[in-house]
Amino acid sequence: MNPFDDALYRIHQFQAARRALPPRDYWEFLQCLTGRSETDLSQLFLPPAEFSSKPVVEVGPLWATPSATIHVAWYEMLEAVAVHATGHWGAVSPKQWLANDRAVANGGRICSAHWGLRGLKFWVITEPDRSRTTIVMPEDAWFPGGLP
């Protein structure tokens, strides 16, 4: 098979370039496909974990709502913010993913969604002016600007 004819591999190359990382070798990429269901493509397009990603978002000072500090462990928050800063938006819709990519390029609010170890979903939101990043829970309906 020719790597230039493989659309999935081209997406992987694009995602790697977007993060300023080298893509996986084509044959290594094909091995990652083995044993996966057609619907489980999680982490498939990302470069290998041993490479560190460069931040694409300046997060500013970190804040967390009171409910987030109760329900999400501090290390889960920090891990989510680190992932957020590299441009991986977590469990958001394709529409929100695209909006976040545009916000990185043109300015705007960035929102990523993550699942904690307790199975609770939480959001990491960076303000348009990059003045702060806040960790919020779904019950934080009072959050300025509303939740995604």
Protein backbone atom coordinates (compact mmCIF):
# COMPACT_ATOMS: atom_id res chain seq x y z
CA MET A 1 0.00 0.00 0.00
CA ASN A 2 1.23 3.47 -0.86
CA PRO A 3 1.27 5.91 2.12
CA PHE A 4 0.35 8.77 -0.21
CA ASP A 5 -2.95 7.02 -1.07
CA ASP A 6 -3.90 6.43 2.58
CA ALA A 7 -6.26 9.17 3.81
CA LEU A 8 -5.97 8.12 7.47
CA TYR A 9 -2.20 8.35 7.33
CA ARG A 10 -2.42 11.80 5.74
CA ILE A 11 -4.66 12.91 8.62
CA HIS A 12 -2.09 11.54 11.07
CA GLN A 13 0.67 13.48 9.29
CA PHE A 14 -1.43 16.65 9.42
CA GLN A 15 -2.12 16.25 13.15
CA ALA A 16 1.56 15.63 13.85
CA ALA A 17 2.62 18.68 11.82
CA ARG A 18 0.03 20.80 13.60
CA ARG A 19 1.71 19.89 16.86
CA ALA A 20 5.21 20.40 15.42
CA LEU A 21 6.00 16.71 15.96
CA PRO A 22 7.30 14.00 13.63
CA PRO A 23 4.61 11.58 12.38
CA ARG A 24 4.80 7.85 13.00
CA ASP A 25 6.48 5.73 10.37
CA TYR A 26 3.84 4.43 7.94
CA TRP A 27 4.34 0.78 8.91
CA GLU A 28 4.18 1.63 12.60
CA PHE A 29 0.97 3.55 11.87
CA LEU A 30 -0.51 0.48 10.14
CA GLN A 31 0.35 -1.66 13.17
CA CYS A 32 -1.64 0.76 15.34
CA LEU A 33 -4.67 0.04 13.14
CA THR A 34 -4.48 -3.71 13.77
CA GLY A 35 -6.94 -4.89 16.37
CA ARG A 36 -8.98 -1.68 16.48
CA SER A 37 -12.65 -1.59 15.78
CA GLU A 38 -13.80 0.65 12.95
CA THR A 39 -15.24 3.12 15.44
CA ASP A 40 -12.37 3.25 17.96
CA LEU A 41 -9.86 5.64 16.49
CA SER A 42 -8.90 7.23 19.80
CA GLN A 43 -5.33 8.47 19.85
CA LEU A 44 -4.77 7.02 16.38
CA PHE A 45 -3.94 10.32 14.74
CA LEU A 46 -1.66 11.60 17.47
CA PRO A 47 2.10 11.11 17.34
CA PRO A 48 3.71 8.59 19.72
CA ALA A 49 3.51 9.48 23.41
CA GLU A 50 7.30 9.62 23.83
CA PHE A 51 7.40 12.91 21.93
CA SER A 52 6.47 15.99 23.90
CA SER A 53 3.94 18.32 22.34
CA LYS A 54 4.59 22.00 22.08
CA PRO A 55 1.88 24.24 23.52
CA VAL A 56 -0.37 25.96 21.00
CA VAL A 57 -2.45 27.82 23.59
CA GLU A 58 -1.24 30.25 26.22
CA VAL A 59 -3.40 29.34 29.19
CA GLY A 60 -2.62 32.19 31.61
CA PRO A 61 -3.39 31.82 35.32
CA LEU A 62 -5.41 28.73 36.27
CA TRP A 63 -8.71 28.93 38.11
CA ALA A 64 -11.20 26.28 39.17
CA THR A 65 -14.78 26.62 40.30
CA PRO A 66 -15.63 25.37 43.81
CA SER A 67 -17.51 22.37 42.40
CA ALA A 68 -14.54 21.47 40.18
CA THR A 69 -12.19 21.47 43.17
CA ILE A 70 -14.60 19.12 44.98
CA HIS A 71 -15.16 16.65 42.11
CA VAL A 72 -11.87 16.66 40.17
CA ALA A 73 -8.47 15.84 41.64
CA TRP A 74 -5.77 18.49 41.23
CA TYR A 75 -3.58 16.17 39.14
CA GLU A 76 -6.50 15.47 36.77
CA MET A 77 -6.97 19.22 36.35
CA LEU A 78 -3.30 19.77 35.59
CA GLU A 79 -3.21 16.88 33.12
CA ALA A 80 -6.31 18.21 31.35
CA VAL A 81 -4.83 21.72 31.14
CA ALA A 82 -1.57 20.29 29.72
CA VAL A 83 -3.52 18.38 27.06
CA HIS A 84 -5.65 21.47 26.37
CA ALA A 85 -2.54 23.62 25.88
CA THR A 86 -1.23 21.28 23.17
CA GLY A 87 -4.37 21.64 21.07
CA HIS A 88 -6.10 18.36 21.88
CA TRP A 89 -9.64 19.35 22.80
CA GLY A 90 -10.77 16.06 24.32
CA ALA A 91 -14.41 14.97 24.22
CA VAL A 92 -15.92 17.87 22.27
CA SER A 93 -18.06 17.77 19.15
CA PRO A 94 -16.41 18.12 15.73
CA LYS A 95 -18.01 21.58 15.47
CA GLN A 96 -16.45 22.67 18.79
CA TRP A 97 -13.10 21.13 17.76
CA LEU A 98 -13.08 23.25 14.61
CA ALA A 99 -14.16 26.35 16.57
CA ASN A 100 -11.27 25.78 18.98
CA ASP A 101 -8.78 25.42 16.12
CA ARG A 102 -10.06 28.69 14.66
CA ALA A 103 -9.85 30.37 18.08
CA VAL A 104 -6.19 29.36 18.35
CA ALA A 105 -5.45 30.91 14.97
CA ASN A 106 -7.67 34.00 15.19
CA GLY A 107 -8.34 34.55 18.87
CA GLY A 108 -11.45 33.48 20.71
CA ARG A 109 -12.64 31.36 23.60
CA ILE A 110 -11.28 27.81 23.69
CA CYS A 111 -13.11 24.98 25.41
CA SER A 112 -11.98 21.39 25.84
CA ALA A 113 -13.91 18.61 27.58
CA HIS A 114 -12.37 15.88 29.71
CA TRP A 115 -13.47 12.91 31.82
CA GLY A 116 -12.15 12.55 35.35
CA LEU A 117 -11.29 9.24 36.99
CA ARG A 118 -14.65 9.27 38.79
CA GLY A 119 -16.39 9.34 35.42
CA LEU A 120 -17.41 12.98 35.69
CA LYS A 121 -17.06 15.30 32.72
CA PHE A 122 -15.46 18.69 33.19
CA TRP A 123 -14.39 21.54 30.93
CA VAL A 124 -11.19 23.53 30.55
CA ILE A 125 -11.98 27.00 29.20
CA THR A 126 -9.41 29.58 28.11
CA GLU A 127 -10.67 33.13 27.69
CA PRO A 128 -10.30 34.93 24.33
CA ASP A 129 -7.66 37.32 25.69
CA ARG A 130 -5.77 34.34 27.24
CA SER A 131 -5.99 36.11 30.62
CA ARG A 132 -7.04 32.92 32.43
CA THR A 133 -8.04 29.30 32.07
CA THR A 134 -10.83 27.94 34.25
CA ILE A 135 -11.83 24.37 35.09
CA VAL A 136 -15.63 24.11 35.37
CA MET A 137 -18.24 21.43 35.98
CA PRO A 138 -21.59 21.00 34.18
CA GLU A 139 -23.47 22.29 37.25
CA ASP A 140 -21.56 25.59 37.04
CA ALA A 141 -24.39 27.22 35.05
CA TRP A 142 -23.46 30.59 36.51
CA PHE A 143 -20.09 30.54 34.67
CA PRO A 144 -19.65 33.85 32.74
CA GLY A 145 -20.45 33.32 29.07
CA GLY A 146 -22.21 30.03 29.80
CA LEU A 147 -20.95 26.52 29.22
CA PRO A 148 -20.50 24.91 25.82
